[in-house]
Protein backbone atom coordinates (compact mmCIF):
# COMPACT_ATOMS: atom_id res chain seq x y z
CA UNK A 1 0.00 0.00 0.00
CA UNK A 2 1.34 3.42 -0.95
CA UNK A 3 1.26 5.97 1.85
CA UNK A 4 1.16 9.56 0.77
CA UNK A 5 2.24 12.25 3.19
CA UNK A 6 -0.52 14.55 4.27
CA UNK A 7 1.20 17.99 4.53
CA UNK A 8 -1.34 19.42 6.99
CA UNK A 9 -1.06 16.42 9.30
CA UNK A 10 2.71 16.47 9.05
CA UNK A 11 2.86 20.19 9.87
CA UNK A 12 0.50 19.71 12.84
CA UNK A 13 2.57 16.81 14.23
CA UNK A 14 5.85 18.61 13.67
CA UNK A 15 4.65 21.76 15.45
CA UNK A 16 3.27 19.69 18.34
CA UNK A 17 6.51 17.73 18.74
CA UNK A 18 8.72 20.82 18.42
CA UNK A 19 6.60 22.65 21.01
CA UNK A 20 7.11 19.72 23.41
CA UNK A 21 10.84 19.90 22.73
CA UNK A 22 10.86 23.64 23.34
CA UNK A 23 9.12 23.09 26.68
CA UNK A 24 11.77 20.53 27.69
CA UNK A 25 14.47 22.97 26.56
CA UNK A 26 12.82 25.67 28.70
CA UNK A 27 12.82 23.45 31.79
CA UNK A 28 16.43 22.47 31.11
CA UNK A 29 17.53 26.08 30.54
CA UNK A 30 15.78 27.34 33.66
CA UNK A 31 17.52 24.63 35.70
CA UNK A 32 20.93 25.40 34.16
CA UNK A 33 20.66 29.10 35.02
CA UNK A 34 19.50 28.45 38.58
CA UNK A 35 22.34 25.95 39.03
CA UNK A 36 24.87 28.53 37.78
CA UNK A 37 23.59 31.02 40.36
CA UNK A 38 23.67 28.37 43.12
CA UNK A 39 27.23 27.29 42.23
CA UNK A 40 28.46 30.83 42.96
CA UNK A 41 30.80 30.80 39.97
CA UNK A 42 30.99 34.59 39.73
CA UNK A 43 33.48 37.01 41.28
CA UNK A 44 32.64 37.98 44.88
CA UNK A 45 30.99 41.30 45.61
CA UNK A 46 33.01 44.47 46.11
CA UNK A 47 33.75 45.61 49.72
CA UNK A 48 31.05 48.33 49.59
CA UNK A 49 28.47 45.80 48.38
CA UNK A 50 29.51 43.37 51.14
CA UNK A 51 29.07 46.16 53.70
CA UNK A 52 25.59 46.94 52.34
CA UNK A 53 24.39 43.35 51.93
CA UNK A 54 26.28 41.71 54.76
CA UNK A 55 27.75 38.97 52.54
CA UNK A 56 29.99 38.51 49.52
CA UNK A 57 27.78 36.14 47.53
CA UNK A 58 27.03 37.64 44.11
CA UNK A 59 23.57 37.46 42.55
CA UNK A 60 21.90 37.27 45.96
CA UNK A 61 20.19 40.50 46.95
CA UNK A 62 18.31 41.81 49.96
CA UNK A 63 15.59 39.27 49.26
CA UNK A 64 17.70 36.09 49.02
CA UNK A 65 16.63 34.02 46.06
CA UNK A 66 14.69 36.82 44.33
CA UNK A 67 16.79 36.64 41.14
CA UNK A 68 16.95 32.86 41.31
CA UNK A 69 13.18 32.59 41.72
CA UNK A 70 12.66 35.02 38.83
CA UNK A 71 14.27 32.67 36.32
CA UNK A 72 11.48 31.31 34.16
CA UNK A 73 10.66 30.18 30.65
CA UNK A 74 7.81 30.56 28.21
CA UNK A 75 6.95 28.92 24.89
CA UNK A 76 4.98 31.68 23.15
CA UNK A 77 4.96 29.84 19.80
CA UNK A 78 5.64 26.26 18.81
CA UNK A 79 9.19 27.09 17.68
CA UNK A 80 10.23 29.73 20.24
CA UNK A 81 11.30 29.41 23.85
CA UNK A 82 12.17 32.41 26.03
CA UNK A 83 14.37 31.61 29.03
CA UNK A 84 15.57 34.01 31.73
CA UNK A 85 13.97 36.83 33.68
CA UNK A 86 10.96 37.48 31.50
CA UNK A 87 9.43 40.90 30.91
CA UNK A 88 5.93 39.50 31.50
CA UNK A 89 6.52 39.21 35.24
CA UNK A 90 4.46 41.39 37.52
CA UNK A 91 4.99 42.49 41.08
CA UNK A 92 4.13 39.99 43.79
CA UNK A 93 1.18 42.19 44.76
CA UNK A 94 -0.59 41.08 41.59
CA UNK A 95 -1.26 44.66 40.54
CA UNK A 96 -0.12 44.00 36.98
CA UNK A 97 2.72 46.53 37.09
CA UNK A 98 6.12 45.52 35.69
CA UNK A 99 8.53 44.05 38.19
CA UNK A 100 11.83 45.92 38.72
CA UNK A 101 13.65 42.57 38.88
CA UNK A 102 13.78 42.54 35.06
CA UNK A 103 15.80 45.77 34.94
CA UNK A 104 17.95 44.72 37.89
CA UNK A 105 18.65 41.35 36.23
CA UNK A 106 19.72 43.08 33.02
CA UNK A 107 22.10 45.39 34.93
CA UNK A 108 23.57 42.47 36.87
CA UNK A 109 23.94 40.29 33.77
CA UNK A 110 25.44 42.93 31.49
CA UNK A 111 27.04 45.14 34.11
CA UNK A 112 26.30 48.81 34.57
CA UNK A 113 27.92 52.12 35.38
CA UNK A 114 25.82 54.33 37.61
CA UNK A 115 26.58 58.03 37.94
CA UNK A 116 26.84 59.07 41.59
CA UNK A 117 24.25 61.69 42.53
CA UNK A 118 24.12 63.94 45.56
CA UNK A 119 21.27 61.81 46.96
CA UNK A 120 23.48 58.73 46.66
CA UNK A 121 26.30 60.50 48.50
CA UNK A 122 23.91 61.43 51.31
CA UNK A 123 22.56 57.86 51.47
CA UNK A 124 26.01 56.26 51.71
CA UNK A 125 27.11 58.81 54.32
CA UNK A 126 23.95 58.13 56.36
CA UNK A 127 24.69 54.40 56.47
CA UNK A 128 28.29 55.03 57.52
CA UNK A 129 29.85 54.32 54.12
CA UNK A 130 30.64 57.76 52.71
CA UNK A 131 31.89 57.87 49.13
CA UNK A 132 35.19 59.55 48.34
CA UNK A 133 34.89 62.94 46.64
CA UNK A 134 36.71 61.41 43.65
CA UNK A 135 34.05 58.69 43.24
CA UNK A 136 31.86 59.79 40.35
CA UNK A 137 30.47 56.43 39.26
CA UNK A 138 29.65 53.06 40.76
CA UNK A 139 30.53 50.15 38.49
CA UNK A 140 28.54 46.94 38.66
CA UNK A 141 30.57 44.22 36.95
CA UNK A 142 28.69 41.97 34.56
CA UNK A 143 27.85 38.53 35.90
CA UNK A 144 26.44 36.82 32.80
CA UNK A 145 24.36 34.10 34.44
CA UNK A 146 22.47 33.39 31.19
CA UNK A 147 25.62 32.40 29.30
CA UNK A 148 25.39 28.85 30.63
CA UNK A 149 22.83 28.33 27.87
CA UNK A 150 25.65 28.68 25.33
CA UNK A 151 27.71 25.85 26.80
CA UNK A 152 28.44 22.80 24.67
CA UNK A 153 26.32 20.71 27.04
CA UNK A 154 23.32 23.02 26.65
CA UNK A 155 23.61 23.23 22.88
CA UNK A 156 23.91 19.43 22.63
CA UNK A 157 20.77 19.06 24.74
CA UNK A 158 18.83 21.51 22.57
CA UNK A 159 19.93 19.86 19.31
CA UNK A 160 19.02 16.44 20.66
CA UNK A 161 15.53 17.63 21.62
CA UNK A 162 14.96 19.00 18.12
CA UNK A 163 16.23 15.77 16.54
CA UNK A 164 13.93 13.67 18.72
CA UNK A 165 10.98 15.91 17.80
CA UNK A 166 11.66 15.53 14.08
CA UNK A 167 12.17 11.75 14.41
CA UNK A 168 8.89 11.41 16.31
CA UNK A 169 7.14 13.32 13.55
CA UNK A 170 8.66 11.17 10.82
CA UNK A 171 8.09 7.85 12.58
CA UNK A 172 4.37 8.21 13.26
C-alpha atoms as a PDB file:
ATOM      1  CA  UNK A   1       0.000   0.000   0.000  1.00  0.00           C
ATOM      2  CA  UNK A   2       1.341   3.421  -0.952  1.00  0.00           C
ATOM      3  CA  UNK A   3       1.262   5.970   1.854  1.00  0.00           C
ATOM      4  CA  UNK A   4       1.163   9.564   0.766  1.00  0.00           C
ATOM      5  CA  UNK A   5       2.243  12.246   3.189  1.00  0.00           C
ATOM      6  CA  UNK A   6      -0.523  14.554   4.272  1.00  0.00           C
ATOM      7  CA  UNK A   7       1.201  17.986   4.528  1.00  0.00           C
ATOM      8  CA  UNK A   8      -1.337  19.422   6.985  1.00  0.00           C
ATOM      9  CA  UNK A   9      -1.062  16.424   9.300  1.00  0.00           C
ATOM     10  CA  UNK A  10       2.710  16.468   9.046  1.00  0.00           C
ATOM     11  CA  UNK A  11       2.860  20.192   9.874  1.00  0.00           C
ATOM     12  CA  UNK A  12       0.502  19.714  12.836  1.00  0.00           C
ATOM     13  CA  UNK A  13       2.571  16.806  14.234  1.00  0.00           C
ATOM     14  CA  UNK A  14       5.849  18.615  13.669  1.00  0.00           C
ATOM     15  CA  UNK A  15       4.649  21.758  15.453  1.00  0.00           C
ATOM     16  CA  UNK A  16       3.265  19.687  18.336  1.00  0.00           C
ATOM     17  CA  UNK A  17       6.515  17.734  18.737  1.00  0.00           C
ATOM     18  CA  UNK A  18       8.719  20.821  18.417  1.00  0.00           C
ATOM     19  CA  UNK A  19       6.599  22.654  21.009  1.00  0.00           C
ATOM     20  CA  UNK A  20       7.112  19.718  23.415  1.00  0.00           C
ATOM     21  CA  UNK A  21      10.843  19.899  22.726  1.00  0.00           C
ATOM     22  CA  UNK A  22      10.859  23.644  23.341  1.00  0.00           C
ATOM     23  CA  UNK A  23       9.117  23.088  26.684  1.00  0.00           C
ATOM     24  CA  UNK A  24      11.774  20.532  27.694  1.00  0.00           C
ATOM     25  CA  UNK A  25      14.473  22.967  26.560  1.00  0.00           C
ATOM     26  CA  UNK A  26      12.820  25.669  28.695  1.00  0.00           C
ATOM     27  CA  UNK A  27      12.818  23.450  31.791  1.00  0.00           C
ATOM     28  CA  UNK A  28      16.434  22.474  31.115  1.00  0.00           C
ATOM     29  CA  UNK A  29      17.535  26.080  30.542  1.00  0.00           C
ATOM     30  CA  UNK A  30      15.779  27.342  33.660  1.00  0.00           C
ATOM     31  CA  UNK A  31      17.515  24.632  35.696  1.00  0.00           C
ATOM     32  CA  UNK A  32      20.930  25.404  34.161  1.00  0.00           C
ATOM     33  CA  UNK A  33      20.662  29.099  35.018  1.00  0.00           C
ATOM     34  CA  UNK A  34      19.501  28.454  38.578  1.00  0.00           C
ATOM     35  CA  UNK A  35      22.341  25.945  39.026  1.00  0.00           C
ATOM     36  CA  UNK A  36      24.871  28.528  37.779  1.00  0.00           C
ATOM     37  CA  UNK A  37      23.587  31.024  40.358  1.00  0.00           C
ATOM     38  CA  UNK A  38      23.671  28.374  43.116  1.00  0.00           C
ATOM     39  CA  UNK A  39      27.233  27.291  42.235  1.00  0.00           C
ATOM     40  CA  UNK A  40      28.457  30.834  42.956  1.00  0.00           C
ATOM     41  CA  UNK A  41      30.803  30.798  39.968  1.00  0.00           C
ATOM     42  CA  UNK A  42      30.995  34.590  39.727  1.00  0.00           C
ATOM     43  CA  UNK A  43      33.477  37.007  41.284  1.00  0.00           C
ATOM     44  CA  UNK A  44      32.641  37.980  44.880  1.00  0.00           C
ATOM     45  CA  UNK A  45      30.992  41.304  45.609  1.00  0.00           C
ATOM     46  CA  UNK A  46      33.015  44.474  46.108  1.00  0.00           C
ATOM     47  CA  UNK A  47      33.746  45.612  49.716  1.00  0.00           C
ATOM     48  CA  UNK A  48      31.048  48.334  49.587  1.00  0.00           C
ATOM     49  CA  UNK A  49      28.473  45.799  48.377  1.00  0.00           C
ATOM     50  CA  UNK A  50      29.509  43.372  51.141  1.00  0.00           C
ATOM     51  CA  UNK A  51      29.068  46.157  53.695  1.00  0.00           C
ATOM     52  CA  UNK A  52      25.587  46.938  52.342  1.00  0.00           C
ATOM     53  CA  UNK A  53      24.386  43.351  51.929  1.00  0.00           C
ATOM     54  CA  UNK A  54      26.281  41.710  54.756  1.00  0.00           C
ATOM     55  CA  UNK A  55      27.754  38.970  52.535  1.00  0.00           C
ATOM     56  CA  UNK A  56      29.990  38.511  49.520  1.00  0.00           C
ATOM     57  CA  UNK A  57      27.778  36.139  47.530  1.00  0.00           C
ATOM     58  CA  UNK A  58      27.032  37.640  44.106  1.00  0.00           C
ATOM     59  CA  UNK A  59      23.567  37.458  42.549  1.00  0.00           C
ATOM     60  CA  UNK A  60      21.895  37.273  45.961  1.00  0.00           C
ATOM     61  CA  UNK A  61      20.192  40.503  46.946  1.00  0.00           C
ATOM     62  CA  UNK A  62      18.314  41.809  49.963  1.00  0.00           C
ATOM     63  CA  UNK A  63      15.587  39.272  49.260  1.00  0.00           C
ATOM     64  CA  UNK A  64      17.696  36.087  49.022  1.00  0.00           C
ATOM     65  CA  UNK A  65      16.627  34.020  46.059  1.00  0.00           C
ATOM     66  CA  UNK A  66      14.690  36.817  44.325  1.00  0.00           C
ATOM     67  CA  UNK A  67      16.786  36.644  41.143  1.00  0.00           C
ATOM     68  CA  UNK A  68      16.953  32.859  41.313  1.00  0.00           C
ATOM     69  CA  UNK A  69      13.181  32.591  41.720  1.00  0.00           C
ATOM     70  CA  UNK A  70      12.658  35.019  38.833  1.00  0.00           C
ATOM     71  CA  UNK A  71      14.274  32.666  36.324  1.00  0.00           C
ATOM     72  CA  UNK A  72      11.483  31.314  34.164  1.00  0.00           C
ATOM     73  CA  UNK A  73      10.660  30.182  30.648  1.00  0.00           C
ATOM     74  CA  UNK A  74       7.812  30.563  28.205  1.00  0.00           C
ATOM     75  CA  UNK A  75       6.947  28.919  24.894  1.00  0.00           C
ATOM     76  CA  UNK A  76       4.976  31.684  23.146  1.00  0.00           C
ATOM     77  CA  UNK A  77       4.955  29.835  19.804  1.00  0.00           C
ATOM     78  CA  UNK A  78       5.636  26.259  18.808  1.00  0.00           C
ATOM     79  CA  UNK A  79       9.193  27.093  17.678  1.00  0.00           C
ATOM     80  CA  UNK A  80      10.232  29.732  20.237  1.00  0.00           C
ATOM     81  CA  UNK A  81      11.300  29.407  23.851  1.00  0.00           C
ATOM     82  CA  UNK A  82      12.168  32.409  26.035  1.00  0.00           C
ATOM     83  CA  UNK A  83      14.373  31.613  29.029  1.00  0.00           C
ATOM     84  CA  UNK A  84      15.566  34.006  31.728  1.00  0.00           C
ATOM     85  CA  UNK A  85      13.966  36.829  33.682  1.00  0.00           C
ATOM     86  CA  UNK A  86      10.962  37.481  31.498  1.00  0.00           C
ATOM     87  CA  UNK A  87       9.428  40.903  30.911  1.00  0.00           C
ATOM     88  CA  UNK A  88       5.927  39.501  31.503  1.00  0.00           C
ATOM     89  CA  UNK A  89       6.520  39.205  35.240  1.00  0.00           C
ATOM     90  CA  UNK A  90       4.463  41.390  37.521  1.00  0.00           C
ATOM     91  CA  UNK A  91       4.989  42.485  41.079  1.00  0.00           C
ATOM     92  CA  UNK A  92       4.127  39.987  43.789  1.00  0.00           C
ATOM     93  CA  UNK A  93       1.175  42.190  44.761  1.00  0.00           C
ATOM     94  CA  UNK A  94      -0.591  41.078  41.590  1.00  0.00           C
ATOM     95  CA  UNK A  95      -1.264  44.659  40.539  1.00  0.00           C
ATOM     96  CA  UNK A  96      -0.123  43.995  36.982  1.00  0.00           C
ATOM     97  CA  UNK A  97       2.720  46.530  37.087  1.00  0.00           C
ATOM     98  CA  UNK A  98       6.121  45.522  35.693  1.00  0.00           C
ATOM     99  CA  UNK A  99       8.531  44.045  38.191  1.00  0.00           C
ATOM    100  CA  UNK A 100      11.828  45.918  38.719  1.00  0.00           C
ATOM    101  CA  UNK A 101      13.646  42.574  38.878  1.00  0.00           C
ATOM    102  CA  UNK A 102      13.785  42.538  35.062  1.00  0.00           C
ATOM    103  CA  UNK A 103      15.797  45.768  34.941  1.00  0.00           C
ATOM    104  CA  UNK A 104      17.946  44.716  37.892  1.00  0.00           C
ATOM    105  CA  UNK A 105      18.646  41.355  36.235  1.00  0.00           C
ATOM    106  CA  UNK A 106      19.722  43.085  33.023  1.00  0.00           C
ATOM    107  CA  UNK A 107      22.102  45.385  34.926  1.00  0.00           C
ATOM    108  CA  UNK A 108      23.573  42.468  36.865  1.00  0.00           C
ATOM    109  CA  UNK A 109      23.939  40.289  33.770  1.00  0.00           C
ATOM    110  CA  UNK A 110      25.437  42.929  31.492  1.00  0.00           C
ATOM    111  CA  UNK A 111      27.042  45.137  34.108  1.00  0.00           C
ATOM    112  CA  UNK A 112      26.301  48.811  34.574  1.00  0.00           C
ATOM    113  CA  UNK A 113      27.918  52.116  35.380  1.00  0.00           C
ATOM    114  CA  UNK A 114      25.816  54.334  37.610  1.00  0.00           C
ATOM    115  CA  UNK A 115      26.577  58.034  37.940  1.00  0.00           C
ATOM    116  CA  UNK A 116      26.842  59.068  41.591  1.00  0.00           C
ATOM    117  CA  UNK A 117      24.252  61.690  42.531  1.00  0.00           C
ATOM    118  CA  UNK A 118      24.124  63.936  45.563  1.00  0.00           C
ATOM    119  CA  UNK A 119      21.273  61.806  46.959  1.00  0.00           C
ATOM    120  CA  UNK A 120      23.479  58.731  46.659  1.00  0.00           C
ATOM    121  CA  UNK A 121      26.301  60.497  48.495  1.00  0.00           C
ATOM    122  CA  UNK A 122      23.910  61.426  51.309  1.00  0.00           C
ATOM    123  CA  UNK A 123      22.557  57.864  51.469  1.00  0.00           C
ATOM    124  CA  UNK A 124      26.009  56.262  51.705  1.00  0.00           C
ATOM    125  CA  UNK A 125      27.110  58.809  54.317  1.00  0.00           C
ATOM    126  CA  UNK A 126      23.948  58.127  56.356  1.00  0.00           C
ATOM    127  CA  UNK A 127      24.693  54.402  56.466  1.00  0.00           C
ATOM    128  CA  UNK A 128      28.293  55.029  57.520  1.00  0.00           C
ATOM    129  CA  UNK A 129      29.853  54.320  54.116  1.00  0.00           C
ATOM    130  CA  UNK A 130      30.643  57.759  52.713  1.00  0.00           C
ATOM    131  CA  UNK A 131      31.889  57.874  49.133  1.00  0.00           C
ATOM    132  CA  UNK A 132      35.185  59.550  48.343  1.00  0.00           C
ATOM    133  CA  UNK A 133      34.894  62.937  46.637  1.00  0.00           C
ATOM    134  CA  UNK A 134      36.715  61.414  43.650  1.00  0.00           C
ATOM    135  CA  UNK A 135      34.048  58.694  43.242  1.00  0.00           C
ATOM    136  CA  UNK A 136      31.862  59.793  40.346  1.00  0.00           C
ATOM    137  CA  UNK A 137      30.469  56.431  39.263  1.00  0.00           C
ATOM    138  CA  UNK A 138      29.653  53.056  40.764  1.00  0.00           C
ATOM    139  CA  UNK A 139      30.529  50.155  38.491  1.00  0.00           C
ATOM    140  CA  UNK A 140      28.537  46.941  38.661  1.00  0.00           C
ATOM    141  CA  UNK A 141      30.574  44.221  36.952  1.00  0.00           C
ATOM    142  CA  UNK A 142      28.692  41.966  34.559  1.00  0.00           C
ATOM    143  CA  UNK A 143      27.847  38.534  35.898  1.00  0.00           C
ATOM    144  CA  UNK A 144      26.441  36.818  32.799  1.00  0.00           C
ATOM    145  CA  UNK A 145      24.361  34.103  34.437  1.00  0.00           C
ATOM    146  CA  UNK A 146      22.467  33.389  31.192  1.00  0.00           C
ATOM    147  CA  UNK A 147      25.620  32.403  29.296  1.00  0.00           C
ATOM    148  CA  UNK A 148      25.388  28.850  30.631  1.00  0.00           C
ATOM    149  CA  UNK A 149      22.832  28.330  27.867  1.00  0.00           C
ATOM    150  CA  UNK A 150      25.648  28.685  25.332  1.00  0.00           C
ATOM    151  CA  UNK A 151      27.713  25.852  26.804  1.00  0.00           C
ATOM    152  CA  UNK A 152      28.439  22.797  24.665  1.00  0.00           C
ATOM    153  CA  UNK A 153      26.318  20.714  27.035  1.00  0.00           C
ATOM    154  CA  UNK A 154      23.317  23.025  26.654  1.00  0.00           C
ATOM    155  CA  UNK A 155      23.615  23.230  22.884  1.00  0.00           C
ATOM    156  CA  UNK A 156      23.911  19.431  22.633  1.00  0.00           C
ATOM    157  CA  UNK A 157      20.771  19.063  24.744  1.00  0.00           C
ATOM    158  CA  UNK A 158      18.827  21.509  22.569  1.00  0.00           C
ATOM    159  CA  UNK A 159      19.926  19.863  19.309  1.00  0.00           C
ATOM    160  CA  UNK A 160      19.022  16.436  20.658  1.00  0.00           C
ATOM    161  CA  UNK A 161      15.528  17.631  21.624  1.00  0.00           C
ATOM    162  CA  UNK A 162      14.963  19.005  18.124  1.00  0.00           C
ATOM    163  CA  UNK A 163      16.235  15.774  16.536  1.00  0.00           C
ATOM    164  CA  UNK A 164      13.931  13.672  18.720  1.00  0.00           C
ATOM    165  CA  UNK A 165      10.978  15.905  17.804  1.00  0.00           C
ATOM    166  CA  UNK A 166      11.658  15.534  14.082  1.00  0.00           C
ATOM    167  CA  UNK A 167      12.173  11.753  14.410  1.00  0.00           C
ATOM    168  CA  UNK A 168       8.886  11.414  16.309  1.00  0.00           C
ATOM    169  CA  UNK A 169       7.143  13.320  13.554  1.00  0.00           C
ATOM    170  CA  UNK A 170       8.660  11.166  10.816  1.00  0.00           C
ATOM    171  CA  UNK A 171       8.093   7.855  12.578  1.00  0.00           C
ATOM    172  CA  UNK A 172       4.368   8.211  13.263  1.00  0.00           C
END
